[in-house]
Amino acid sequence: MRTQLTDDERKYFINEIKRLVPDLPHEIADVDKTALFWEDKYNSDNGILGSFDLKHPHSINLSPLGKQMPEMLVSTVAHELHHKWQFETLSIFYFFMAIPGIRQCLLEPTAKEVELAVDKLLGLEDIN
């Protein structure tokens, strides 16, 4: 089930992203315009920490595992914000680029770079 983050949870992610933005690509700066949701389907069994969902292009879904350690999801939020920016920038081409197999070559590398940059700024680069 998909549930919106509480105001305090949302503020945490917004504040962390904004704190890091001077050192990160501008495309993740629109976190204020992005709805954040916990997605119960994301758990330790499937290893999914977050997603940008084409059905809800102004939102990001996060694993509820982040409730215990939200700092571990800051880079996931940045990664998914990058996918949101890609969608907004590439428009219709995003749908073709998001096809499995093609996605790994065209969309994921730059999103992963953003994620790793955030991990490094947070001192968490050893987790990826």
N, C-alpha and C. Protein backbone atom coordinates (compact mmCIF):
# COMPACT_ATOMS: atom_id res chain seq x y z
N MET A 1 0.84 -1.18 0.00
CA MET A 1 0.00 0.00 0.00
C MET A 1 0.88 1.24 0.00
N ARG A 2 0.46 2.23 -0.71
CA ARG A 2 1.21 3.47 -0.89
C ARG A 2 0.65 4.53 0.05
N THR A 3 1.48 5.05 0.97
CA THR A 3 1.03 6.08 1.91
C THR A 3 2.01 7.24 1.89
N GLN A 4 1.46 8.43 1.97
CA GLN A 4 2.30 9.63 1.92
C GLN A 4 3.13 9.74 3.20
N LEU A 5 4.36 10.26 3.05
CA LEU A 5 5.21 10.48 4.21
C LEU A 5 4.57 11.53 5.11
N THR A 6 4.86 11.45 6.41
CA THR A 6 4.38 12.49 7.33
C THR A 6 5.12 13.78 7.01
N ASP A 7 4.63 14.89 7.52
CA ASP A 7 5.30 16.17 7.29
C ASP A 7 6.74 16.14 7.78
N ASP A 8 6.97 15.54 8.96
CA ASP A 8 8.33 15.48 9.51
C ASP A 8 9.25 14.61 8.65
N GLU A 9 8.73 13.49 8.17
CA GLU A 9 9.53 12.61 7.31
C GLU A 9 9.88 13.34 6.01
N ARG A 10 8.89 13.98 5.43
CA ARG A 10 9.11 14.72 4.18
C ARG A 10 10.13 15.85 4.38
N LYS A 11 9.98 16.59 5.48
CA LYS A 11 10.91 17.69 5.76
C LYS A 11 12.34 17.19 5.89
N TYR A 12 12.52 16.03 6.48
CA TYR A 12 13.87 15.47 6.61
C TYR A 12 14.51 15.31 5.24
N PHE A 13 13.82 14.66 4.31
CA PHE A 13 14.38 14.43 2.98
C PHE A 13 14.59 15.73 2.21
N ILE A 14 13.62 16.64 2.30
CA ILE A 14 13.76 17.93 1.61
C ILE A 14 14.97 18.69 2.15
N ASN A 15 15.10 18.74 3.47
CA ASN A 15 16.22 19.47 4.07
C ASN A 15 17.56 18.85 3.72
N GLU A 16 17.63 17.53 3.72
CA GLU A 16 18.89 16.86 3.38
C GLU A 16 19.27 17.09 1.92
N ILE A 17 18.31 16.97 1.02
CA ILE A 17 18.58 17.20 -0.40
C ILE A 17 19.01 18.65 -0.61
N LYS A 18 18.29 19.59 -0.02
CA LYS A 18 18.63 21.01 -0.20
C LYS A 18 20.00 21.33 0.39
N ARG A 19 20.35 20.69 1.47
CA ARG A 19 21.66 20.90 2.08
C ARG A 19 22.76 20.44 1.12
N LEU A 20 22.50 19.38 0.39
CA LEU A 20 23.49 18.81 -0.51
C LEU A 20 23.47 19.40 -1.91
N VAL A 21 22.39 20.10 -2.29
CA VAL A 21 22.23 20.58 -3.66
C VAL A 21 23.41 21.41 -4.19
N PRO A 22 24.03 22.27 -3.40
CA PRO A 22 25.15 23.03 -3.98
C PRO A 22 26.24 22.14 -4.59
N ASP A 23 26.35 20.94 -4.11
CA ASP A 23 27.37 20.02 -4.60
C ASP A 23 26.82 18.99 -5.57
N LEU A 24 25.55 19.09 -5.93
CA LEU A 24 24.90 18.09 -6.78
C LEU A 24 24.29 18.73 -8.02
N PRO A 25 23.98 17.92 -9.02
CA PRO A 25 23.35 18.45 -10.23
C PRO A 25 22.04 19.16 -9.92
N HIS A 26 21.75 20.21 -10.67
CA HIS A 26 20.55 21.02 -10.45
C HIS A 26 19.26 20.24 -10.61
N GLU A 27 19.28 19.15 -11.36
CA GLU A 27 18.04 18.45 -11.65
C GLU A 27 17.37 17.82 -10.44
N ILE A 28 18.08 17.67 -9.35
CA ILE A 28 17.43 17.09 -8.17
C ILE A 28 16.90 18.17 -7.24
N ALA A 29 17.04 19.43 -7.62
CA ALA A 29 16.67 20.53 -6.75
C ALA A 29 15.16 20.71 -6.59
N ASP A 30 14.36 20.09 -7.42
CA ASP A 30 12.91 20.31 -7.35
C ASP A 30 12.21 19.35 -6.39
N VAL A 31 12.89 18.97 -5.35
CA VAL A 31 12.31 18.05 -4.37
C VAL A 31 11.04 18.64 -3.74
N ASP A 32 10.95 19.96 -3.66
CA ASP A 32 9.75 20.60 -3.10
C ASP A 32 8.50 20.28 -3.90
N LYS A 33 8.66 20.04 -5.19
CA LYS A 33 7.53 19.80 -6.08
C LYS A 33 7.22 18.31 -6.23
N THR A 34 7.84 17.50 -5.41
CA THR A 34 7.72 16.05 -5.56
C THR A 34 7.05 15.45 -4.34
N ALA A 35 6.00 14.69 -4.57
CA ALA A 35 5.33 13.98 -3.47
C ALA A 35 6.15 12.74 -3.13
N LEU A 36 6.28 12.44 -1.85
CA LEU A 36 7.04 11.28 -1.40
C LEU A 36 6.10 10.31 -0.69
N PHE A 37 6.19 9.04 -1.10
CA PHE A 37 5.31 8.01 -0.55
C PHE A 37 6.11 6.82 -0.04
N TRP A 38 5.61 6.19 1.01
CA TRP A 38 6.11 4.88 1.43
C TRP A 38 5.37 3.85 0.61
N GLU A 39 6.08 2.88 0.10
CA GLU A 39 5.46 1.80 -0.69
C GLU A 39 5.74 0.48 0.02
N ASP A 40 4.69 -0.11 0.60
CA ASP A 40 4.84 -1.34 1.38
C ASP A 40 5.37 -2.52 0.58
N LYS A 41 5.22 -2.49 -0.74
CA LYS A 41 5.72 -3.59 -1.58
C LYS A 41 7.25 -3.62 -1.63
N TYR A 42 7.89 -2.54 -1.25
CA TYR A 42 9.35 -2.48 -1.26
C TYR A 42 9.85 -2.92 0.11
N ASN A 43 10.59 -4.02 0.12
CA ASN A 43 11.03 -4.57 1.40
C ASN A 43 12.38 -5.27 1.25
N SER A 44 12.85 -5.85 2.33
CA SER A 44 14.16 -6.52 2.30
C SER A 44 14.16 -7.75 1.41
N ASP A 45 12.98 -8.33 1.15
CA ASP A 45 12.92 -9.50 0.27
C ASP A 45 13.24 -9.16 -1.18
N ASN A 46 12.75 -8.00 -1.65
CA ASN A 46 13.01 -7.65 -3.05
C ASN A 46 14.13 -6.62 -3.20
N GLY A 47 14.58 -6.03 -2.11
CA GLY A 47 15.71 -5.11 -2.15
C GLY A 47 15.45 -3.77 -2.81
N ILE A 48 14.20 -3.46 -3.11
CA ILE A 48 13.88 -2.18 -3.74
C ILE A 48 13.83 -1.10 -2.67
N LEU A 49 14.60 -0.04 -2.87
CA LEU A 49 14.61 1.07 -1.92
C LEU A 49 13.74 2.23 -2.37
N GLY A 50 13.53 2.36 -3.67
CA GLY A 50 12.72 3.45 -4.17
C GLY A 50 12.47 3.33 -5.65
N SER A 51 11.54 4.18 -6.14
CA SER A 51 11.25 4.18 -7.56
C SER A 51 10.60 5.49 -7.97
N PHE A 52 10.85 5.83 -9.22
CA PHE A 52 10.10 6.88 -9.90
C PHE A 52 9.04 6.13 -10.69
N ASP A 53 7.79 6.50 -10.53
CA ASP A 53 6.68 5.76 -11.11
C ASP A 53 6.03 6.58 -12.23
N LEU A 54 6.06 6.04 -13.44
CA LEU A 54 5.47 6.75 -14.57
C LEU A 54 3.97 6.98 -14.41
N LYS A 55 3.31 6.16 -13.60
CA LYS A 55 1.87 6.36 -13.37
C LYS A 55 1.62 7.58 -12.49
N HIS A 56 2.64 7.95 -11.71
CA HIS A 56 2.56 9.10 -10.80
C HIS A 56 3.85 9.92 -10.99
N PRO A 57 4.00 10.64 -12.11
CA PRO A 57 5.27 11.25 -12.45
C PRO A 57 5.72 12.42 -11.57
N HIS A 58 4.89 12.82 -10.64
CA HIS A 58 5.29 13.90 -9.73
C HIS A 58 5.54 13.35 -8.32
N SER A 59 5.82 12.05 -8.27
CA SER A 59 6.05 11.44 -6.96
C SER A 59 7.15 10.39 -7.02
N ILE A 60 7.64 10.07 -5.83
CA ILE A 60 8.67 9.05 -5.67
C ILE A 60 8.17 8.10 -4.58
N ASN A 61 8.34 6.81 -4.81
CA ASN A 61 7.98 5.80 -3.83
C ASN A 61 9.24 5.33 -3.11
N LEU A 62 9.14 5.14 -1.81
CA LEU A 62 10.28 4.72 -1.00
C LEU A 62 9.95 3.50 -0.16
N SER A 63 10.97 2.72 0.14
CA SER A 63 10.80 1.56 1.00
C SER A 63 10.56 2.00 2.44
N PRO A 64 9.59 1.42 3.11
CA PRO A 64 9.36 1.74 4.52
C PRO A 64 10.53 1.35 5.41
N LEU A 65 11.48 0.58 4.88
CA LEU A 65 12.69 0.26 5.65
C LEU A 65 13.42 1.54 6.02
N GLY A 66 13.21 2.59 5.24
CA GLY A 66 13.85 3.88 5.51
C GLY A 66 13.31 4.59 6.73
N LYS A 67 12.21 4.14 7.27
CA LYS A 67 11.69 4.77 8.48
C LYS A 67 12.64 4.61 9.65
N GLN A 68 13.34 3.48 9.70
CA GLN A 68 14.29 3.25 10.78
C GLN A 68 15.62 3.97 10.54
N MET A 69 16.03 4.08 9.27
CA MET A 69 17.31 4.72 8.95
C MET A 69 17.12 5.62 7.72
N PRO A 70 16.45 6.76 7.88
CA PRO A 70 16.15 7.61 6.72
C PRO A 70 17.40 8.12 6.00
N GLU A 71 18.51 8.26 6.71
CA GLU A 71 19.73 8.73 6.06
C GLU A 71 20.19 7.79 4.95
N MET A 72 19.80 6.52 5.05
CA MET A 72 20.17 5.55 4.02
C MET A 72 19.36 5.76 2.73
N LEU A 73 18.24 6.49 2.82
CA LEU A 73 17.42 6.70 1.63
C LEU A 73 17.63 8.06 0.97
N VAL A 74 18.44 8.92 1.54
CA VAL A 74 18.65 10.23 0.94
C VAL A 74 19.21 10.08 -0.47
N SER A 75 20.17 9.19 -0.66
CA SER A 75 20.74 9.00 -2.00
C SER A 75 19.71 8.35 -2.93
N THR A 76 18.83 7.52 -2.39
CA THR A 76 17.76 6.93 -3.21
C THR A 76 16.82 8.02 -3.69
N VAL A 77 16.47 8.95 -2.81
CA VAL A 77 15.61 10.07 -3.21
C VAL A 77 16.29 10.86 -4.32
N ALA A 78 17.58 11.15 -4.18
CA ALA A 78 18.32 11.88 -5.22
C ALA A 78 18.32 11.10 -6.54
N HIS A 79 18.55 9.80 -6.47
CA HIS A 79 18.55 8.93 -7.65
C HIS A 79 17.19 9.01 -8.37
N GLU A 80 16.12 8.90 -7.61
CA GLU A 80 14.78 8.92 -8.19
C GLU A 80 14.40 10.31 -8.69
N LEU A 81 14.87 11.37 -8.01
CA LEU A 81 14.65 12.72 -8.51
C LEU A 81 15.33 12.91 -9.87
N HIS A 82 16.47 12.27 -10.03
CA HIS A 82 17.16 12.34 -11.32
C HIS A 82 16.31 11.67 -12.41
N HIS A 83 15.71 10.53 -12.08
CA HIS A 83 14.81 9.87 -13.05
C HIS A 83 13.62 10.78 -13.37
N LYS A 84 13.09 11.46 -12.37
CA LYS A 84 11.97 12.39 -12.59
C LYS A 84 12.41 13.49 -13.56
N TRP A 85 13.61 14.03 -13.34
CA TRP A 85 14.14 15.06 -14.23
C TRP A 85 14.34 14.51 -15.65
N GLN A 86 14.84 13.27 -15.74
CA GLN A 86 15.00 12.66 -17.06
C GLN A 86 13.66 12.58 -17.78
N PHE A 87 12.64 12.15 -17.07
CA PHE A 87 11.30 12.04 -17.65
C PHE A 87 10.81 13.41 -18.14
N GLU A 88 10.97 14.43 -17.29
CA GLU A 88 10.51 15.77 -17.64
C GLU A 88 11.30 16.33 -18.82
N THR A 89 12.56 16.00 -18.92
CA THR A 89 13.43 16.51 -19.97
C THR A 89 13.27 15.75 -21.28
N LEU A 90 13.19 14.44 -21.19
CA LEU A 90 13.16 13.61 -22.39
C LEU A 90 11.76 13.38 -22.94
N SER A 91 10.75 13.63 -22.12
CA SER A 91 9.35 13.50 -22.51
C SER A 91 9.06 12.10 -23.09
N ILE A 92 8.52 12.04 -24.27
CA ILE A 92 8.10 10.77 -24.87
C ILE A 92 9.27 9.80 -25.05
N PHE A 93 10.47 10.31 -25.25
CA PHE A 93 11.63 9.44 -25.44
C PHE A 93 11.94 8.63 -24.18
N TYR A 94 11.54 9.15 -23.01
CA TYR A 94 11.78 8.44 -21.77
C TYR A 94 11.12 7.06 -21.79
N PHE A 95 9.93 6.96 -22.35
CA PHE A 95 9.21 5.68 -22.39
C PHE A 95 10.01 4.63 -23.13
N PHE A 96 10.64 5.02 -24.23
CA PHE A 96 11.45 4.08 -25.00
C PHE A 96 12.75 3.75 -24.27
N MET A 97 13.33 4.76 -23.64
CA MET A 97 14.59 4.56 -22.93
C MET A 97 14.40 3.73 -21.66
N ALA A 98 13.16 3.68 -21.15
CA ALA A 98 12.87 2.96 -19.91
C ALA A 98 12.61 1.47 -20.13
N ILE A 99 12.67 1.02 -21.36
CA ILE A 99 12.48 -0.41 -21.64
C ILE A 99 13.62 -1.19 -20.99
N PRO A 100 13.29 -2.26 -20.23
CA PRO A 100 14.36 -3.04 -19.58
C PRO A 100 15.44 -3.43 -20.59
N GLY A 101 16.66 -3.34 -20.15
CA GLY A 101 17.81 -3.60 -21.02
C GLY A 101 18.35 -2.29 -21.57
N ILE A 102 17.48 -1.51 -22.17
CA ILE A 102 17.87 -0.19 -22.67
C ILE A 102 18.05 0.76 -21.48
N ARG A 103 17.15 0.63 -20.51
CA ARG A 103 17.19 1.47 -19.31
C ARG A 103 18.55 1.41 -18.61
N GLN A 104 19.08 0.19 -18.48
CA GLN A 104 20.35 0.00 -17.77
C GLN A 104 21.49 0.75 -18.47
N CYS A 105 21.39 0.90 -19.77
CA CYS A 105 22.45 1.57 -20.54
C CYS A 105 22.25 3.08 -20.65
N LEU A 106 21.00 3.53 -20.70
CA LEU A 106 20.75 4.94 -21.01
C LEU A 106 20.28 5.79 -19.83
N LEU A 107 19.51 5.23 -18.92
CA LEU A 107 18.95 6.02 -17.82
C LEU A 107 19.67 5.81 -16.49
N GLU A 108 20.01 4.58 -16.22
CA GLU A 108 20.57 4.26 -14.90
C GLU A 108 21.97 4.82 -14.62
N PRO A 109 22.88 4.86 -15.60
CA PRO A 109 24.24 5.31 -15.27
C PRO A 109 24.31 6.71 -14.64
N THR A 110 23.58 7.68 -15.20
CA THR A 110 23.66 9.02 -14.62
C THR A 110 22.91 9.12 -13.29
N ALA A 111 21.81 8.37 -13.16
CA ALA A 111 21.09 8.35 -11.88
C ALA A 111 21.97 7.73 -10.79
N LYS A 112 22.72 6.69 -11.16
CA LYS A 112 23.64 6.05 -10.21
C LYS A 112 24.77 7.01 -9.82
N GLU A 113 25.24 7.82 -10.76
CA GLU A 113 26.27 8.82 -10.44
C GLU A 113 25.78 9.80 -9.38
N VAL A 114 24.54 10.25 -9.52
CA VAL A 114 23.96 11.16 -8.54
C VAL A 114 23.85 10.47 -7.19
N GLU A 115 23.37 9.25 -7.19
CA GLU A 115 23.25 8.47 -5.95
C GLU A 115 24.60 8.32 -5.25
N LEU A 116 25.63 7.97 -6.00
CA LEU A 116 26.96 7.79 -5.42
C LEU A 116 27.53 9.10 -4.92
N ALA A 117 27.25 10.20 -5.62
CA ALA A 117 27.72 11.51 -5.17
C ALA A 117 27.11 11.87 -3.82
N VAL A 118 25.82 11.57 -3.65
CA VAL A 118 25.16 11.84 -2.37
C VAL A 118 25.75 10.94 -1.27
N ASP A 119 25.91 9.67 -1.58
CA ASP A 119 26.52 8.76 -0.59
C ASP A 119 27.88 9.27 -0.15
N LYS A 120 28.66 9.76 -1.09
CA LYS A 120 30.00 10.27 -0.76
C LYS A 120 29.90 11.50 0.15
N LEU A 121 28.99 12.41 -0.17
CA LEU A 121 28.81 13.60 0.66
C LEU A 121 28.34 13.24 2.08
N LEU A 122 27.59 12.16 2.18
CA LEU A 122 27.10 11.72 3.49
C LEU A 122 28.06 10.76 4.21
N GLY A 123 29.16 10.44 3.55
CA GLY A 123 30.11 9.49 4.13
C GLY A 123 29.62 8.06 4.09
N LEU A 124 28.74 7.75 3.15
CA LEU A 124 28.15 6.42 3.05
C LEU A 124 28.60 5.70 1.78
N GLU A 125 29.69 6.14 1.15
CA GLU A 125 30.07 5.57 -0.14
C GLU A 125 30.39 4.09 -0.09
N ASP A 126 30.64 3.52 1.07
CA ASP A 126 30.95 2.10 1.16
C ASP A 126 29.73 1.20 1.06
N ILE A 127 28.50 1.77 1.10
CA ILE A 127 27.32 0.92 1.08
C ILE A 127 26.91 0.49 -0.32
N ASN A 128 27.40 1.17 -1.35
CA ASN A 128 27.02 0.80 -2.73
C ASN A 128 28.13 0.07 -3.38
